[in-house]
PDB file of N, CA and C in Angstrom:
ATOM      1  N   MET A   1      98.003  79.744  90.030  1.00  0.00           N
ATOM      2  CA  MET A   1      99.087  80.310  88.668  1.00  0.00           C
ATOM      3  C   MET A   1      99.433  81.484  88.379  1.00  0.00           C
ATOM      4  N   TYR A   2     100.209  81.824  87.520  1.00  0.00           N
ATOM      5  CA  TYR A   2     100.792  83.359  87.852  1.00  0.00           C
ATOM      6  C   TYR A   2     100.694  83.527  86.110  1.00  0.00           C
ATOM      7  N   LEU A   3     100.686  84.934  85.974  1.00  0.00           N
ATOM      8  CA  LEU A   3     101.442  84.890  84.438  1.00  0.00           C
ATOM      9  C   LEU A   3     102.158  86.352  84.654  1.00  0.00           C
ATOM     10  N   VAL A   4     102.805  86.514  83.140  1.00  0.00           N
ATOM     11  CA  VAL A   4     103.282  87.894  83.125  1.00  0.00           C
ATOM     12  C   VAL A   4     102.626  88.457  81.566  1.00  0.00           C
ATOM     13  N   TYR A   5     102.230  89.826  81.919  1.00  0.00           N
ATOM     14  CA  TYR A   5     101.951  90.732  80.880  1.00  0.00           C
ATOM     15  C   TYR A   5     102.513  91.743  80.626  1.00  0.00           C
ATOM     16  N   LEU A   6     102.071  92.411  79.228  1.00  0.00           N
ATOM     17  CA  LEU A   6     102.891  93.523  78.950  1.00  0.00           C
ATOM     18  C   LEU A   6     101.451  94.806  78.194  1.00  0.00           C
ATOM     19  N   LEU A   7     102.036  95.933  78.871  1.00  0.00           N
ATOM     20  CA  LEU A   7     100.707  96.734  78.559  1.00  0.00           C
ATOM     21  C   LEU A   7     101.053  98.037  77.992  1.00  0.00           C
ATOM     22  N   LYS A   8      99.808  98.467  77.272  1.00  0.00           N
ATOM     23  CA  LYS A   8     100.164  99.593  76.243  1.00  0.00           C
ATOM     24  C   LYS A   8      99.232 100.518  77.209  1.00  0.00           C
ATOM     25  N   SER A   9     100.234 102.053  76.787  1.00  0.00           N
ATOM     26  CA  SER A   9      99.356 103.000  77.033  1.00  0.00           C
ATOM     27  C   SER A   9     100.431 103.634  75.738  1.00  0.00           C
ATOM     28  N   ASP A  10      99.714 104.765  74.994  1.00  0.00           N
ATOM     29  CA  ASP A  10      99.989 105.407  73.529  1.00  0.00           C
ATOM     30  C   ASP A  10     101.223 104.413  73.273  1.00  0.00           C
ATOM     31  N   ASN A  11     102.125 104.896  73.632  1.00  0.00           N
ATOM     32  CA  ASN A  11     103.660 104.497  73.364  1.00  0.00           C
ATOM     33  C   ASN A  11     104.421 103.856  73.906  1.00  0.00           C
ATOM     34  N   LEU A  12     103.806 103.819  75.358  1.00  0.00           N
ATOM     35  CA  LEU A  12     104.528 103.430  76.183  1.00  0.00           C
ATOM     36  C   LEU A  12     104.222 101.654  76.342  1.00  0.00           C
ATOM     37  N   THR A  13     105.197 101.650  77.322  1.00  0.00           N
ATOM     38  CA  THR A  13     104.665  99.615  77.989  1.00  0.00           C
ATOM     39  C   THR A  13     105.415  99.841  79.156  1.00  0.00           C
ATOM     40  N   TYR A  14     104.174  98.484  79.844  1.00  0.00           N
ATOM     41  CA  TYR A  14     105.163  98.009  81.334  1.00  0.00           C
ATOM     42  C   TYR A  14     104.895  96.563  81.058  1.00  0.00           C
ATOM     43  N   ILE A  15     105.800  95.662  81.957  1.00  0.00           N
ATOM     44  CA  ILE A  15     105.799  94.228  81.774  1.00  0.00           C
ATOM     45  C   ILE A  15     105.294  93.869  83.363  1.00  0.00           C
ATOM     46  N   GLY A  16     105.295  93.345  83.788  1.00  0.00           N
ATOM     47  CA  GLY A  16     104.628  92.905  85.155  1.00  0.00           C
ATOM     48  C   GLY A  16     104.533  91.675  85.284  1.00  0.00           C
ATOM     49  N   MET A  17     104.079  90.789  86.247  1.00  0.00           N
ATOM     50  CA  MET A  17     103.305  89.489  86.717  1.00  0.00           C
ATOM     51  C   MET A  17     102.453  90.155  88.165  1.00  0.00           C
ATOM     52  N   THR A  18     101.488  88.508  87.554  1.00  0.00           N
ATOM     53  CA  THR A  18     100.949  88.843  88.794  1.00  0.00           C
ATOM     54  C   THR A  18      99.931  87.302  89.168  1.00  0.00           C
ATOM     55  N   ASN A  19      99.117  87.107  90.375  1.00  0.00           N
ATOM     56  CA  ASN A  19      98.407  85.823  90.346  1.00  0.00           C
ATOM     57  C   ASN A  19      96.682  86.224  89.983  1.00  0.00           C
ATOM     58  N   ASP A  20      96.438  87.944  89.963  1.00  0.00           N
ATOM     59  CA  ASP A  20      95.476  88.432  89.770  1.00  0.00           C
ATOM     60  C   ASP A  20      95.204  89.087  89.128  1.00  0.00           C
ATOM     61  N   PHE A  21      95.165  89.318  87.361  1.00  0.00           N
ATOM     62  CA  PHE A  21      95.298  90.251  86.744  1.00  0.00           C
ATOM     63  C   PHE A  21      94.638  91.060  86.437  1.00  0.00           C
ATOM     64  N   PHE A  22      92.914  90.804  86.954  1.00  0.00           N
ATOM     65  CA  PHE A  22      92.140  92.087  86.970  1.00  0.00           C
ATOM     66  C   PHE A  22      92.615  93.103  87.472  1.00  0.00           C
ATOM     67  N   LYS A  23      92.655  92.667  89.146  1.00  0.00           N
ATOM     68  CA  LYS A  23      92.858  93.441  90.052  1.00  0.00           C
ATOM     69  C   LYS A  23      94.299  94.043  90.068  1.00  0.00           C
ATOM     70  N   ARG A  24      95.459  93.512  89.133  1.00  0.00           N
ATOM     71  CA  ARG A  24      96.183  94.442  89.098  1.00  0.00           C
ATOM     72  C   ARG A  24      96.034  95.391  87.957  1.00  0.00           C
ATOM     73  N   TRP A  25      95.621  95.159  86.724  1.00  0.00           N
ATOM     74  CA  TRP A  25      94.854  95.827  86.016  1.00  0.00           C
ATOM     75  C   TRP A  25      94.395  97.150  86.146  1.00  0.00           C
ATOM     76  N   ARG A  26      93.301  97.091  87.111  1.00  0.00           N
ATOM     77  CA  ARG A  26      92.636  98.320  87.611  1.00  0.00           C
ATOM     78  C   ARG A  26      93.494  98.918  88.616  1.00  0.00           C
ATOM     79  N   GLN A  27      94.518  98.085  88.944  1.00  0.00           N
ATOM     80  CA  GLN A  27      95.571  99.258  89.899  1.00  0.00           C
ATOM     81  C   GLN A  27      96.197 100.108  89.069  1.00  0.00           C
ATOM     82  N   HIS A  28      96.653  99.708  87.724  1.00  0.00           N
ATOM     83  CA  HIS A  28      97.462 100.128  86.974  1.00  0.00           C
ATOM     84  C   HIS A  28      96.866 101.549  86.133  1.00  0.00           C
ATOM     85  N   ASN A  29      95.313 101.226  86.064  1.00  0.00           N
ATOM     86  CA  ASN A  29      94.768 102.329  85.806  1.00  0.00           C
ATOM     87  C   ASN A  29      94.626 103.254  86.720  1.00  0.00           C
ATOM     88  N   ASN A  30      94.516 103.043  87.905  1.00  0.00           N
ATOM     89  CA  ASN A  30      94.507 103.492  89.355  1.00  0.00           C
ATOM     90  C   ASN A  30      92.976 103.504  89.244  1.00  0.00           C
ATOM     91  N   GLU A  31      92.259 102.941  89.084  1.00  0.00           N
ATOM     92  CA  GLU A  31      90.578 102.421  89.623  1.00  0.00           C
ATOM     93  C   GLU A  31      90.518 102.353  91.189  1.00  0.00           C
ATOM     94  N   ILE A  32      91.807 101.420  91.377  1.00  0.00           N
ATOM     95  CA  ILE A  32      92.201 100.847  93.111  1.00  0.00           C
ATOM     96  C   ILE A  32      93.340 101.384  92.983  1.00  0.00           C
ATOM     97  N   LYS A  33      93.839 101.607  94.654  1.00  0.00           N
ATOM     98  CA  LYS A  33      95.518 101.768  94.812  1.00  0.00           C
ATOM     99  C   LYS A  33      95.983 100.352  95.129  1.00  0.00           C
ATOM    100  N   GLY A  34      97.291 101.035  94.842  1.00  0.00           N
ATOM    101  CA  GLY A  34      98.090  99.557  95.269  1.00  0.00           C
ATOM    102  C   GLY A  34      98.853  99.809  93.988  1.00  0.00           C
ATOM    103  N   GLY A  35     100.282  99.655  94.558  1.00  0.00           N
ATOM    104  CA  GLY A  35     101.336  99.561  93.722  1.00  0.00           C
ATOM    105  C   GLY A  35     101.047 100.143  92.649  1.00  0.00           C
ATOM    106  N   ALA A  36     101.537  99.778  91.148  1.00  0.00           N
ATOM    107  CA  ALA A  36     101.893 100.162  89.887  1.00  0.00           C
ATOM    108  C   ALA A  36     102.122 101.883  90.065  1.00  0.00           C
ATOM    109  N   LYS A  37     103.140 101.972  90.639  1.00  0.00           N
ATOM    110  CA  LYS A  37     103.341 103.617  90.541  1.00  0.00           C
ATOM    111  C   LYS A  37     104.107 104.265  89.325  1.00  0.00           C
ATOM    112  N   TYR A  38     104.640 103.127  88.740  1.00  0.00           N
ATOM    113  CA  TYR A  38     105.151 103.939  86.961  1.00  0.00           C
ATOM    114  C   TYR A  38     103.789 104.227  86.416  1.00  0.00           C
ATOM    115  N   THR A  39     102.757 103.101  86.570  1.00  0.00           N
ATOM    116  CA  THR A  39     101.859 103.288  85.288  1.00  0.00           C
ATOM    117  C   THR A  39     101.249 104.671  86.074  1.00  0.00           C
ATOM    118  N   THR A  40     100.857 104.603  87.145  1.00  0.00           N
ATOM    119  CA  THR A  40      99.428 105.564  87.892  1.00  0.00           C
ATOM    120  C   THR A  40     100.549 107.312  87.188  1.00  0.00           C
ATOM    121  N   ARG A  41     101.480 106.738  87.401  1.00  0.00           N
ATOM    122  CA  ARG A  41     102.225 108.296  87.139  1.00  0.00           C
ATOM    123  C   ARG A  41     101.639 109.089  85.437  1.00  0.00           C
ATOM    124  N   LYS A  42     101.958 107.473  84.800  1.00  0.00           N
ATOM    125  CA  LYS A  42     102.041 107.888  82.951  1.00  0.00           C
ATOM    126  C   LYS A  42     100.748 108.548  82.562  1.00  0.00           C
ATOM    127  N   GLY A  43      99.463 108.212  83.294  1.00  0.00           N
ATOM    128  CA  GLY A  43      98.192 108.472  82.410  1.00  0.00           C
ATOM    129  C   GLY A  43      97.421 106.956  83.195  1.00  0.00           C
ATOM    130  N   LYS A  44      95.932 106.737  82.457  1.00  0.00           N
ATOM    131  CA  LYS A  44      94.867 105.715  82.409  1.00  0.00           C
ATOM    132  C   LYS A  44      94.929 104.942  80.669  1.00  0.00           C
ATOM    133  N   ASN A  45      94.180 104.482  81.196  1.00  0.00           N
ATOM    134  CA  ASN A  45      94.019 103.902  79.471  1.00  0.00           C
ATOM    135  C   ASN A  45      95.259 102.338  78.921  1.00  0.00           C
ATOM    136  N   TRP A  46      96.050 101.849  80.036  1.00  0.00           N
ATOM    137  CA  TRP A  46      96.729 101.036  79.990  1.00  0.00           C
ATOM    138  C   TRP A  46      95.644 100.076  79.660  1.00  0.00           C
ATOM    139  N   TYR A  47      96.426  99.196  78.621  1.00  0.00           N
ATOM    140  CA  TYR A  47      94.951  97.351  77.773  1.00  0.00           C
ATOM    141  C   TYR A  47      96.538  96.555  77.960  1.00  0.00           C
ATOM    142  N   PRO A  48      96.304  95.325  77.965  1.00  0.00           N
ATOM    143  CA  PRO A  48      97.130  94.275  77.779  1.00  0.00           C
ATOM    144  C   PRO A  48      97.441  94.148  76.170  1.00  0.00           C
ATOM    145  N   ILE A  49      98.476  93.330  76.104  1.00  0.00           N
ATOM    146  CA  ILE A  49      99.091  93.161  74.679  1.00  0.00           C
ATOM    147  C   ILE A  49      99.042  92.231  74.122  1.00  0.00           C
ATOM    148  N   CYS A  50      99.631  91.769  75.370  1.00  0.00           N
ATOM    149  CA  CYS A  50     100.511  90.200  75.632  1.00  0.00           C
ATOM    150  C   CYS A  50     100.147  89.655  77.278  1.00  0.00           C
ATOM    151  N   ILE A  51      99.597  88.166  77.050  1.00  0.00           N
ATOM    152  CA  ILE A  51      99.520  87.425  78.361  1.00  0.00           C
ATOM    153  C   ILE A  51     100.214  86.514  78.177  1.00  0.00           C
ATOM    154  N   ILE A  52     101.375  86.130  79.086  1.00  0.00           N
ATOM    155  CA  ILE A  52     101.715  84.900  78.913  1.00  0.00           C
ATOM    156  C   ILE A  52     101.456  84.098  80.182  1.00  0.00           C
ATOM    157  N   ASP A  53     100.739  83.157  80.316  1.00  0.00           N
ATOM    158  CA  ASP A  53      99.595  82.560  81.316  1.00  0.00           C
ATOM    159  C   ASP A  53      99.933  80.870  81.738  1.00  0.00           C
ATOM    160  N   GLY A  54     100.227  80.329  82.530  1.00  0.00           N
ATOM    161  CA  GLY A  54     100.210  79.367  83.195  1.00  0.00           C
ATOM    162  C   GLY A  54     101.777  78.734  83.764  1.00  0.00           C
ATOM    163  N   PHE A  55     102.348  79.844  84.221  1.00  0.00           N
ATOM    164  CA  PHE A  55     103.817  79.626  85.224  1.00  0.00           C
ATOM    165  C   PHE A  55     102.943  78.987  86.289  1.00  0.00           C
ATOM    166  N   GLN A  56     103.264  78.033  87.111  1.00  0.00           N
ATOM    167  CA  GLN A  56     103.206  77.097  88.780  1.00  0.00           C
ATOM    168  C   GLN A  56     103.286  78.034  89.578  1.00  0.00           C
ATOM    169  N   THR A  57     104.745  78.550  89.455  1.00  0.00           N
ATOM    170  CA  THR A  57     104.847  79.582  90.761  1.00  0.00           C
ATOM    171  C   THR A  57     105.295  81.173  90.154  1.00  0.00           C
ATOM    172  N   MET A  58     105.446  81.218  91.629  1.00  0.00           N
ATOM    173  CA  MET A  58     105.780  83.018  91.511  1.00  0.00           C
ATOM    174  C   MET A  58     107.521  83.185  91.014  1.00  0.00           C
ATOM    175  N   LYS A  59     107.701  82.662  91.209  1.00  0.00           N
ATOM    176  CA  LYS A  59     109.708  82.208  90.757  1.00  0.00           C
ATOM    177  C   LYS A  59     109.673  82.251  89.437  1.00  0.00           C
ATOM    178  N   GLU A  60     108.931  81.211  89.214  1.00  0.00           N
ATOM    179  CA  GLU A  60     108.446  81.138  87.535  1.00  0.00           C
ATOM    180  C   GLU A  60     108.543  82.236  86.458  1.00  0.00           C
ATOM    181  N   ALA A  61     107.086  82.875  86.829  1.00  0.00           N
ATOM    182  CA  ALA A  61     106.657  84.090  86.450  1.00  0.00           C
ATOM    183  C   ALA A  61     107.700  85.168  87.105  1.00  0.00           C
ATOM    184  N   MET A  62     108.460  85.456  88.196  1.00  0.00           N
ATOM    185  CA  MET A  62     109.494  86.424  87.991  1.00  0.00           C
ATOM    186  C   MET A  62     110.921  86.434  87.023  1.00  0.00           C
ATOM    187  N   GLN A  63     111.120  84.870  87.273  1.00  0.00           N
ATOM    188  CA  GLN A  63     111.845  84.750  86.145  1.00  0.00           C
ATOM    189  C   GLN A  63     111.956  85.347  84.525  1.00  0.00           C
ATOM    190  N   CYS A  64     110.780  84.898  83.731  1.00  0.00           N
ATOM    191  CA  CYS A  64     110.295  85.262  83.052  1.00  0.00           C
ATOM    192  C   CYS A  64     110.095  87.355  82.726  1.00  0.00           C
ATOM    193  N   GLU A  65     109.370  87.580  83.687  1.00  0.00           N
ATOM    194  CA  GLU A  65     109.449  88.954  83.602  1.00  0.00           C
ATOM    195  C   GLU A  65     110.940  89.933  84.003  1.00  0.00           C
ATOM    196  N   TRP A  66     111.663  89.282  84.394  1.00  0.00           N
ATOM    197  CA  TRP A  66     112.911  89.544  84.785  1.00  0.00           C
ATOM    198  C   TRP A  66     113.650  89.363  83.434  1.00  0.00           C
ATOM    199  N   ARG A  67     113.758  88.679  82.520  1.00  0.00           N
ATOM    200  CA  ARG A  67     114.239  88.615  81.177  1.00  0.00           C
ATOM    201  C   ARG A  67     113.323  89.828  80.510  1.00  0.00           C
ATOM    202  N   LEU A  68     112.419  89.459  80.487  1.00  0.00           N
ATOM    203  CA  LEU A  68     111.938  90.738  79.613  1.00  0.00           C
ATOM    204  C   LEU A  68     111.879  92.047  79.738  1.00  0.00           C
ATOM    205  N   LYS A  69     112.007  92.689  80.706  1.00  0.00           N
ATOM    206  CA  LYS A  69     112.134  93.389  81.774  1.00  0.00           C
ATOM    207  C   LYS A  69     113.742  94.008  81.485  1.00  0.00           C
ATOM    208  N   HIS A  70     114.652  92.671  81.384  1.00  0.00           N
ATOM    209  CA  HIS A  70     116.266  93.608  81.047  1.00  0.00           C
ATOM    210  C   HIS A  70     116.637  93.487  79.808  1.00  0.00           C
ATOM    211  N   ASN A  71     116.067  94.287  78.912  1.00  0.00           N
ATOM    212  CA  ASN A  71     116.673  94.202  77.818  1.00  0.00           C
ATOM    213  C   ASN A  71     116.666  95.800  77.005  1.00  0.00           C
ATOM    214  N   LYS A  72     117.775  96.382  76.506  1.00  0.00           N
ATOM    215  CA  LYS A  72     117.628  97.737  76.487  1.00  0.00           C
ATOM    216  C   LYS A  72     117.634  97.514  75.171  1.00  0.00           C
ATOM    217  N   LYS A  73     117.282  97.113  74.251  1.00  0.00           N
ATOM    218  CA  LYS A  73     117.417  96.868  72.584  1.00  0.00           C
ATOM    219  C   LYS A  73     116.070  96.862  72.367  1.00  0.00           C
ATOM    220  N   TYR A  74     115.630  96.486  73.013  1.00  0.00           N
ATOM    221  CA  TYR A  74     113.563  96.128  72.573  1.00  0.00           C
ATOM    222  C   TYR A  74     112.933  96.957  73.468  1.00  0.00           C
ATOM    223  N   ARG A  75     112.347  98.480  73.190  1.00  0.00           N
ATOM    224  CA  ARG A  75     111.918  99.169  73.993  1.00  0.00           C
ATOM    225  C   ARG A  75     110.993  99.033  72.681  1.00  0.00           C
ATOM    226  N   GLY A  76     109.212  99.877  73.288  1.00  0.00           N
ATOM    227  CA  GLY A  76     108.403  99.986  72.249  1.00  0.00           C
ATOM    228  C   GLY A  76     107.776  99.226  72.041  1.00  0.00           C
ATOM    229  N   PRO A  77     106.026  99.453  72.266  1.00  0.00           N
ATOM    230  CA  PRO A  77     105.415  98.182  72.202  1.00  0.00           C
ATOM    231  C   PRO A  77     106.071  97.009  70.980  1.00  0.00           C
ATOM    232  N   SER A  78     106.200  97.327  69.851  1.00  0.00           N
ATOM    233  CA  SER A  78     106.151  96.060  68.681  1.00  0.00           C
ATOM    234  C   SER A  78     107.150  95.602  69.322  1.00  0.00           C
ATOM    235  N   LYS A  79     108.734  96.433  69.530  1.00  0.00           N
ATOM    236  CA  LYS A  79     109.584  95.471  70.141  1.00  0.00           C
ATOM    237  C   LYS A  79     109.931  94.619  70.930  1.00  0.00           C
ATOM    238  N   ARG A  80     108.841  95.191  71.901  1.00  0.00           N
ATOM    239  CA  ARG A  80     108.949  94.110  73.051  1.00  0.00           C
ATOM    240  C   ARG A  80     108.462  93.295  72.872  1.00  0.00           C
ATOM    241  N   VAL A  81     107.363  93.185  71.947  1.00  0.00           N
ATOM    242  CA  VAL A  81     106.239  91.948  71.597  1.00  0.00           C
ATOM    243  C   VAL A  81     107.229  91.079  70.786  1.00  0.00           C
ATOM    244  N   GLU A  82     107.752  91.865  69.876  1.00  0.00           N
ATOM    245  CA  GLU A  82     109.638  91.286  69.203  1.00  0.00           C
ATOM    246  C   GLU A  82     110.043  90.567  70.135  1.00  0.00           C
ATOM    247  N   TYR A  83     110.775  90.769  71.346  1.00  0.00           N
ATOM    248  CA  TYR A  83     111.940  90.166  72.203  1.00  0.00           C
ATOM    249  C   TYR A  83     110.671  88.933  72.781  1.00  0.00           C
ATOM    250  N   ILE A  84     109.426  88.999  73.156  1.00  0.00           N
ATOM    251  CA  ILE A  84     108.696  88.030  73.085  1.00  0.00           C
ATOM    252  C   ILE A  84     108.668  87.268  72.656  1.00  0.00           C
ATOM    253  N   SER A  85     108.563  87.382  71.768  1.00  0.00           N
ATOM    254  CA  SER A  85     108.435  85.724  70.417  1.00  0.00           C
ATOM    255  C   SER A  85     109.742  85.129  70.315  1.00  0.00           C
ATOM    256  N   LEU A  86     110.789  86.470  70.220  1.00  0.00           N
ATOM    257  CA  LEU A  86     112.013  85.531  70.127  1.00  0.00           C
ATOM    258  C   LEU A  86     112.653  84.673  71.786  1.00  0.00           C
ATOM    259  N   MET A  87     112.708  85.321  72.708  1.00  0.00           N
ATOM    260  CA  MET A  87     112.586  84.266  73.866  1.00  0.00           C
ATOM    261  C   MET A  87     111.917  83.114  74.067  1.00  0.00           C
ATOM    262  N   ILE A  88     110.691  83.361  73.823  1.00  0.00           N
ATOM    263  CA  ILE A  88     109.609  81.949  73.913  1.00  0.00           C
ATOM    264  C   ILE A  88     110.434  80.855  72.977  1.00  0.00           C
ATOM    265  N   GLN A  89     111.352  80.999  72.300  1.00  0.00           N
ATOM    266  CA  GLN A  89     111.846  79.971  71.329  1.00  0.00           C
ATOM    267  C   GLN A  89     113.397  79.814  71.651  1.00  0.00           C
ATOM    268  N   LYS A  90     113.289  80.355  73.135  1.00  0.00           N
ATOM    269  CA  LYS A  90     114.522  80.008  73.826  1.00  0.00           C
ATOM    270  C   LYS A  90     114.621  78.559  74.821  1.00  0.00           C
ATOM    271  N   GLU A  91     115.180  78.261  75.288  1.00  0.00           N
ATOM    272  CA  GLU A  91     115.531  77.085  75.887  1.00  0.00           C
ATOM    273  C   GLU A  91     115.172  77.553  77.594  1.00  0.00           C
ATOM    274  N   LYS A  92     115.726  78.763  78.057  1.00  0.00           N
ATOM    275  CA  LYS A  92     114.770  78.821  79.379  1.00  0.00           C
ATOM    276  C   LYS A  92     114.730  80.520  79.559  1.00  0.00           C
ATOM    277  N   TRP A  93     114.227  80.952  80.226  1.00  0.00           N
ATOM    278  CA  TRP A  93     113.919  82.815  80.607  1.00  0.00           C
ATOM    279  C   TRP A  93     115.563  83.158  80.793  1.00  0.00           C
ATOM    280  N   THR A  94     115.923  82.372  82.212  1.00  0.00           N
ATOM    281  CA  THR A  94     117.139  81.982  83.220  1.00  0.00           C
ATOM    282  C   THR A  94     118.134  81.129  83.056  1.00  0.00           C
ATOM    283  N   SER A  95     119.269  81.192  83.341  1.00  0.00           N
ATOM    284  CA  SER A  95     119.827  80.043  83.426  1.00  0.00           C
ATOM    285  C   SER A  95     119.262  78.900  84.805  1.00  0.00           C
ATOM    286  N   LYS A  96     118.662  79.319  85.900  1.00  0.00           N
ATOM    287  CA  LYS A  96     117.676  78.746  86.621  1.00  0.00           C
ATOM    288  C   LYS A  96     116.842  78.690  86.340  1.00  0.00           C
ATOM    289  N   SER A  97     115.830  78.622  85.778  1.00  0.00           N
ATOM    290  CA  SER A  97     114.302  78.974  85.508  1.00  0.00           C
ATOM    291  C   SER A  97     114.949  77.483  84.374  1.00  0.00           C
ATOM    292  N   PRO A  98     113.419  76.766  84.881  1.00  0.00           N
ATOM    293  CA  PRO A  98     112.968  75.853  84.095  1.00  0.00           C
ATOM    294  C   PRO A  98     112.912  75.935  83.269  1.00  0.00           C
ATOM    295  N   LYS A  99     112.716  74.806  82.043  1.00  0.00           N
ATOM    296  CA  LYS A  99     112.484  74.734  80.339  1.00  0.00           C
ATOM    297  C   LYS A  99     111.274  75.626  79.891  1.00  0.00           C
ATOM    298  N   ILE A 100     111.454  76.289  79.196  1.00  0.00           N
ATOM    299  CA  ILE A 100     110.126  77.195  78.748  1.00  0.00           C
ATOM    300  C   ILE A 100     109.429  76.080  77.763  1.00  0.00           C
ATOM    301  N   LYS A 101     109.857  75.236  77.478  1.00  0.00           N
ATOM    302  CA  LYS A 101     108.624  74.133  76.916  1.00  0.00           C
ATOM    303  C   LYS A 101     107.916  73.456  77.914  1.00  0.00           C
ATOM    304  N   ASP A 102     108.918  72.947  78.917  1.00  0.00           N
ATOM    305  CA  ASP A 102     107.940  72.076  80.057  1.00  0.00           C
ATOM    306  C   ASP A 102     106.890  72.536  80.849  1.00  0.00           C
ATOM    307  N   GLN A 103     106.845  74.421  80.554  1.00  0.00           N
ATOM    308  CA  GLN A 103     106.174  75.097  81.578  1.00  0.00           C
ATOM    309  C   GLN A 103     104.543  75.194  81.451  1.00  0.00           C
ATOM    310  N   SER A 104     104.069  74.634  79.550  1.00  0.00           N
ATOM    311  CA  SER A 104     102.976  74.404  79.734  1.00  0.00           C
ATOM    312  C   SER A 104     102.075  75.884  79.301  1.00  0.00           C
ATOM    313  N   LEU A 105     102.690  77.211  78.720  1.00  0.00           N
ATOM    314  CA  LEU A 105     102.685  78.256  78.887  1.00  0.00           C
ATOM    315  C   LEU A 105     101.454  78.460  77.852  1.00  0.00           C
ATOM    316  N   GLN A 106     100.561  79.393  77.889  1.00  0.00           N
ATOM    317  CA  GLN A 106      99.755  79.901  76.741  1.00  0.00           C
ATOM    318  C   GLN A 106      99.735  81.433  76.714  1.00  0.00           C
ATOM    319  N   ILE A 107      99.826  81.643  75.284  1.00  0.00           N
ATOM    320  CA  ILE A 107     100.324  82.996  74.955  1.00  0.00           C
ATOM    321  C   ILE A 107      98.929  83.533  74.770  1.00  0.00           C
ATOM    322  N   TYR A 108      98.392  85.056  74.988  1.00  0.00           N
ATOM    323  CA  TYR A 108      97.069  85.615  74.519  1.00  0.00           C
ATOM    324  C   TYR A 108      98.360  86.915  74.084  1.00  0.00           C
ATOM    325  N   ILE A 109      97.422  86.957  72.851  1.00  0.00           N
ATOM    326  CA  ILE A 109      98.455  88.144  72.079  1.00  0.00           C
ATOM    327  C   ILE A 109      97.498  89.553  71.520  1.00  0.00           C
ATOM    328  N   ASP A 110      97.222  90.451  71.604  1.00  0.00           N
ATOM    329  CA  ASP A 110      96.134  91.386  70.373  1.00  0.00           C
ATOM    330  C   ASP A 110      96.829  91.331  68.891  1.00  0.00           C
ATOM    331  N   ASP A 111      95.736  91.467  68.185  1.00  0.00           N
ATOM    332  CA  ASP A 111      95.661  90.940  67.248  1.00  0.00           C
ATOM    333  C   ASP A 111      96.421  91.921  65.917  1.00  0.00           C
ATOM    334  N   GLU A 112      96.967  92.963  66.445  1.00  0.00           N
ATOM    335  CA  GLU A 112      97.791  94.146  65.888  1.00  0.00           C
ATOM    336  C   GLU A 112      99.515  92.955  65.710  1.00  0.00           C
ATOM    337  N   TYR A 113      99.570  92.486  67.010  1.00  0.00           N
ATOM    338  CA  TYR A 113     100.954  92.091  67.324  1.00  0.00           C
ATOM    339  C   TYR A 113     100.801  90.538  66.900  1.00  0.00           C
ATOM    340  N   SER A 114      99.950  89.705  66.315  1.00  0.00           N
ATOM    341  CA  SER A 114      99.861  88.563  66.213  1.00  0.00           C
ATOM    342  C   SER A 114     100.999  88.166  65.084  1.00  0.00           C
ATOM    343  N   SER A 115     101.170  89.013  64.294  1.00  0.00           N
ATOM    344  CA  SER A 115     102.121  88.285  63.238  1.00  0.00           C
ATOM    345  C   SER A 115     103.521  88.243  64.001  1.00  0.00           C
ATOM    346  N   PHE A 116     103.630  88.280  65.313  1.00  0.00           N
ATOM    347  CA  PHE A 116     105.065  88.092  65.399  1.00  0.00           C
ATOM    348  C   PHE A 116     105.644  86.322  66.257  1.00  0.00           C
ATOM    349  N   PHE A 117     104.376  86.135  65.922  1.00  0.00           N
ATOM    350  CA  PHE A 117     104.364  84.665  66.810  1.00  0.00           C
ATOM    351  C   PHE A 117     103.945  84.032  65.585  1.00  0.00           C
ATOM    352  N   ASN A 118     103.578  83.486  64.380  1.00  0.00           N
ATOM    353  CA  ASN A 118     103.527  82.590  62.929  1.00  0.00           C
ATOM    354  C   ASN A 118     104.053  81.148  63.517  1.00  0.00           C
ATOM    355  N   ASP A 119     104.924  81.302  63.922  1.00  0.00           N
ATOM    356  CA  ASP A 119     105.628  79.909  64.694  1.00  0.00           C
ATOM    357  C   ASP A 119     105.366  79.345  66.066  1.00  0.00           C
ATOM    358  N   PHE A 120     104.516  80.019  66.607  1.00  0.00           N
ATOM    359  CA  PHE A 120     104.278  79.785  67.989  1.00  0.00           C
ATOM    360  C   PHE A 120     102.639  79.790  67.880  1.00  0.00           C
ATOM    361  N   PRO A 121     101.621  79.038  68.786  1.00  0.00           N
ATOM    362  CA  PRO A 121     100.703  78.973  69.237  1.00  0.00           C
ATOM    363  C   PRO A 121     100.250  79.734  69.888  1.00  0.00           C
ATOM    364  N   THR A 122      99.132  80.843  69.609  1.00  0.00           N
ATOM    365  CA  THR A 122      98.638  81.629  70.879  1.00  0.00           C
ATOM    366  C   THR A 122      97.345  81.969  70.468  1.00  0.00           C
ATOM    367  N   LYS A 123      96.471  82.485  71.254  1.00  0.00           N
ATOM    368  CA  LYS A 123      95.397  83.065  71.611  1.00  0.00           C
ATOM    369  C   LYS A 123      94.938  84.418  71.331  1.00  0.00           C
ATOM    370  N   GLN A 124      93.950  84.920  70.730  1.00  0.00           N
ATOM    371  CA  GLN A 124      93.578  85.645  70.789  1.00  0.00           C
ATOM    372  C   GLN A 124      93.224  86.892  71.152  1.00  0.00           C
ATOM    373  N   LEU A 125      93.583  88.246  71.991  1.00  0.00           N
ATOM    374  CA  LEU A 125      93.454  88.203  73.218  1.00  0.00           C
ATOM    375  C   LEU A 125      92.303  89.549  72.768  1.00  0.00           C
ATOM    376  N   TYR A 126      90.966  89.648  73.208  1.00  0.00           N
ATOM    377  CA  TYR A 126      90.238  90.391  73.246  1.00  0.00           C
ATOM    378  C   TYR A 126      90.147  91.695  74.402  1.00  0.00           C
ATOM    379  N   TRP A 127      90.354  92.894  73.840  1.00  0.00           N
ATOM    380  CA  TRP A 127      90.371  93.443  75.197  1.00  0.00           C
ATOM    381  C   TRP A 127      89.778  95.007  74.767  1.00  0.00           C
ATOM    382  N   LYS A 128      89.997  95.389  74.242  1.00  0.00           N
ATOM    383  CA  LYS A 128      90.258  97.062  73.535  1.00  0.00           C
ATOM    384  C   LYS A 128      88.588  97.409  73.450  1.00  0.00           C
TER     385      LYS A 128
END
């Protein structure tokens, strides 16, 4: 299983995908080596504010990640979460991806941003 995540540090955000979130999160915070060049240059204290879990394949997760990263209008933590809440209601992430409703996805969201998902079931993300 793969997931797509939205990290926050101060007012910066980062969107990524992985099949091992805890390892990847530690890389973003420079606790262990590997990848995560953008976040390691921007400091520590990155934490997740949204996780979309349940992608069956890497390709499906990458399609979601691509869609969420390629939008210039929605920048900053609140706007990124708002965009995720809008996209989750669409039919597909990309023209070639499977239908979102057929993907059995679970969204974990930080309480601060849960109001964006009034029409979509979510689970609370306990992290801070």
